[in-house]
Amino acid sequence: MKRRDKSIFGAMVFVAAAAGPSSATAQTFQNYRCADGTQFIVGFFDYDKRAYLQIDGGPVTLARRPQLSGVRYSGGGVTLSITKAGTTVRHARRPATACERT
């Protein structure tokens, strides 16, 4: 496991621990790699409508936003959109880029 992967994993474990012991089993983590080289991990919890991202070496909590099709989360200068057509992320004043699960 690479050093960066360990720090990302550690941050996600911290988020899960902070959420409480009973929620640790009701979680989903997904890894993504984007066309522009961005990589991130997103965590979802059954009890929470927010998405927890580890991107650019730091954690970001994204609130769910209304969208006609699919799901969109945003916060902290990051927007994550998940639709049938695919997943995109926009961050650090960059244009939205296509991402896929790894």
C-alpha atoms as a PDB file:
ATOM      1  CA  MET A   1       0.000   0.000   0.000  1.00  0.00           C
ATOM      2  CA  LYS A   2       1.453   3.376  -0.996  1.00  0.00           C
ATOM      3  CA  ARG A   3       2.016   6.091   1.602  1.00  0.00           C
ATOM      4  CA  ARG A   4      -0.720   8.287   0.054  1.00  0.00           C
ATOM      5  CA  ASP A   5      -3.146   5.353   0.060  1.00  0.00           C
ATOM      6  CA  LYS A   6      -2.467   4.802   3.768  1.00  0.00           C
ATOM      7  CA  SER A   7      -3.220   8.440   4.590  1.00  0.00           C
ATOM      8  CA  ILE A   8      -6.446   8.318   2.584  1.00  0.00           C
ATOM      9  CA  PHE A   9      -7.465   5.082   4.258  1.00  0.00           C
ATOM     10  CA  GLY A  10      -6.632   6.574   7.669  1.00  0.00           C
ATOM     11  CA  ALA A  11      -8.784   9.623   6.981  1.00  0.00           C
ATOM     12  CA  MET A  12     -11.736   7.464   5.951  1.00  0.00           C
ATOM     13  CA  VAL A  13     -11.365   5.274   9.053  1.00  0.00           C
ATOM     14  CA  PHE A  14     -11.367   8.472  11.135  1.00  0.00           C
ATOM     15  CA  VAL A  15     -14.598   9.606   9.446  1.00  0.00           C
ATOM     16  CA  ALA A  16     -16.182   6.207  10.104  1.00  0.00           C
ATOM     17  CA  ALA A  17     -15.072   6.233  13.743  1.00  0.00           C
ATOM     18  CA  ALA A  18     -16.374   9.758  14.278  1.00  0.00           C
ATOM     19  CA  ALA A  19     -19.743   8.713  12.899  1.00  0.00           C
ATOM     20  CA  GLY A  20     -20.214   6.165  15.675  1.00  0.00           C
ATOM     21  CA  PRO A  21     -19.688   2.466  16.206  1.00  0.00           C
ATOM     22  CA  SER A  22     -23.068   1.314  14.871  1.00  0.00           C
ATOM     23  CA  SER A  23     -22.627   3.104  11.540  1.00  0.00           C
ATOM     24  CA  ALA A  24     -19.257   1.540  10.709  1.00  0.00           C
ATOM     25  CA  THR A  25     -20.999  -1.425   9.077  1.00  0.00           C
ATOM     26  CA  ALA A  26     -23.363   0.754   7.001  1.00  0.00           C
ATOM     27  CA  GLN A  27     -20.807   2.424   4.770  1.00  0.00           C
ATOM     28  CA  THR A  28     -19.664   2.355   1.162  1.00  0.00           C
ATOM     29  CA  PHE A  29     -16.284   3.551  -0.109  1.00  0.00           C
ATOM     30  CA  GLN A  30     -15.612   4.007  -3.819  1.00  0.00           C
ATOM     31  CA  ASN A  31     -12.299   4.799  -5.538  1.00  0.00           C
ATOM     32  CA  TYR A  32     -12.280   6.954  -8.677  1.00  0.00           C
ATOM     33  CA  ARG A  33      -9.707   7.914 -11.297  1.00  0.00           C
ATOM     34  CA  CYS A  34     -10.451  10.848 -13.632  1.00  0.00           C
ATOM     35  CA  ALA A  35      -9.418  11.785 -17.168  1.00  0.00           C
ATOM     36  CA  ASP A  36      -7.308  14.712 -15.890  1.00  0.00           C
ATOM     37  CA  GLY A  37      -5.338  12.460 -13.511  1.00  0.00           C
ATOM     38  CA  THR A  38      -7.337  13.293 -10.374  1.00  0.00           C
ATOM     39  CA  GLN A  39      -7.895  10.395  -7.981  1.00  0.00           C
ATOM     40  CA  PHE A  40     -10.284  10.413  -5.055  1.00  0.00           C
ATOM     41  CA  ILE A  41     -12.140   8.227  -2.610  1.00  0.00           C
ATOM     42  CA  VAL A  42     -15.746   8.928  -1.711  1.00  0.00           C
ATOM     43  CA  GLY A  43     -17.529   7.512   1.323  1.00  0.00           C
ATOM     44  CA  PHE A  44     -21.284   7.194   1.771  1.00  0.00           C
ATOM     45  CA  PHE A  45     -23.103   6.279   4.980  1.00  0.00           C
ATOM     46  CA  ASP A  46     -26.675   4.948   5.156  1.00  0.00           C
ATOM     47  CA  TYR A  47     -27.684   7.388   7.891  1.00  0.00           C
ATOM     48  CA  ASP A  48     -26.248  10.479   6.142  1.00  0.00           C
ATOM     49  CA  LYS A  49     -27.164  12.246   2.885  1.00  0.00           C
ATOM     50  CA  ARG A  50     -23.681  13.773   2.569  1.00  0.00           C
ATOM     51  CA  ALA A  51     -20.688  12.408   0.672  1.00  0.00           C
ATOM     52  CA  TYR A  52     -17.238  12.340   2.282  1.00  0.00           C
ATOM     53  CA  LEU A  53     -14.401  12.854  -0.198  1.00  0.00           C
ATOM     54  CA  GLN A  54     -10.649  12.480   0.138  1.00  0.00           C
ATOM     55  CA  ILE A  55      -9.272  14.566  -2.762  1.00  0.00           C
ATOM     56  CA  ASP A  56      -6.099  16.610  -3.292  1.00  0.00           C
ATOM     57  CA  GLY A  57      -4.675  15.232  -0.047  1.00  0.00           C
ATOM     58  CA  GLY A  58      -7.485  16.493   2.164  1.00  0.00           C
ATOM     59  CA  PRO A  59     -10.999  15.599   3.319  1.00  0.00           C
ATOM     60  CA  VAL A  60     -14.060  17.444   1.995  1.00  0.00           C
ATOM     61  CA  THR A  61     -17.667  16.958   3.095  1.00  0.00           C
ATOM     62  CA  LEU A  62     -20.196  17.454   0.296  1.00  0.00           C
ATOM     63  CA  ALA A  63     -23.888  18.175   0.805  1.00  0.00           C
ATOM     64  CA  ARG A  64     -26.460  16.592  -1.489  1.00  0.00           C
ATOM     65  CA  ARG A  65     -27.949  19.092  -3.954  1.00  0.00           C
ATOM     66  CA  PRO A  66     -31.085  18.883  -6.115  1.00  0.00           C
ATOM     67  CA  GLN A  67     -30.562  17.594  -9.655  1.00  0.00           C
ATOM     68  CA  LEU A  68     -33.049  16.421 -12.282  1.00  0.00           C
ATOM     69  CA  SER A  69     -31.180  13.244 -13.124  1.00  0.00           C
ATOM     70  CA  GLY A  70     -28.793  11.343 -10.869  1.00  0.00           C
ATOM     71  CA  VAL A  71     -27.195  12.773  -7.739  1.00  0.00           C
ATOM     72  CA  ARG A  72     -25.046  15.875  -7.189  1.00  0.00           C
ATOM     73  CA  TYR A  73     -22.980  16.739  -4.127  1.00  0.00           C
ATOM     74  CA  SER A  74     -21.067  19.968  -3.532  1.00  0.00           C
ATOM     75  CA  GLY A  75     -19.082  21.795  -0.882  1.00  0.00           C
ATOM     76  CA  GLY A  76     -15.635  23.198  -0.218  1.00  0.00           C
ATOM     77  CA  GLY A  77     -15.098  24.107  -3.872  1.00  0.00           C
ATOM     78  CA  VAL A  78     -15.774  20.530  -5.046  1.00  0.00           C
ATOM     79  CA  THR A  79     -18.770  19.268  -7.048  1.00  0.00           C
ATOM     80  CA  LEU A  80     -19.387  15.553  -7.578  1.00  0.00           C
ATOM     81  CA  SER A  81     -22.101  14.503 -10.038  1.00  0.00           C
ATOM     82  CA  ILE A  82     -23.199  10.871 -10.440  1.00  0.00           C
ATOM     83  CA  THR A  83     -25.660  10.133 -13.277  1.00  0.00           C
ATOM     84  CA  LYS A  84     -26.503   7.261 -15.620  1.00  0.00           C
ATOM     85  CA  ALA A  85     -24.226   8.935 -18.195  1.00  0.00           C
ATOM     86  CA  GLY A  86     -21.257   8.790 -15.803  1.00  0.00           C
ATOM     87  CA  THR A  87     -19.485  10.485 -12.934  1.00  0.00           C
ATOM     88  CA  THR A  88     -17.801  13.889 -13.050  1.00  0.00           C
ATOM     89  CA  VAL A  89     -15.876  15.930 -10.501  1.00  0.00           C
ATOM     90  CA  ARG A  90     -15.004  19.610 -10.524  1.00  0.00           C
ATOM     91  CA  HIS A  91     -12.457  20.988  -8.045  1.00  0.00           C
ATOM     92  CA  ALA A  92      -9.624  23.480  -7.591  1.00  0.00           C
ATOM     93  CA  ARG A  93     -11.118  25.845 -10.188  1.00  0.00           C
ATOM     94  CA  ARG A  94     -10.657  23.209 -12.883  1.00  0.00           C
ATOM     95  CA  PRO A  95     -13.360  22.272 -15.390  1.00  0.00           C
ATOM     96  CA  ALA A  96     -15.488  19.198 -14.707  1.00  0.00           C
ATOM     97  CA  THR A  97     -13.757  16.000 -15.719  1.00  0.00           C
ATOM     98  CA  ALA A  98     -15.081  12.495 -16.360  1.00  0.00           C
ATOM     99  CA  CYS A  99     -14.215   9.867 -13.740  1.00  0.00           C
ATOM    100  CA  GLU A 100     -14.631   6.131 -13.435  1.00  0.00           C
ATOM    101  CA  ARG A 101     -14.532   3.712 -10.544  1.00  0.00           C
ATOM    102  CA  THR A 102     -11.379   1.706 -10.078  1.00  0.00           C
END
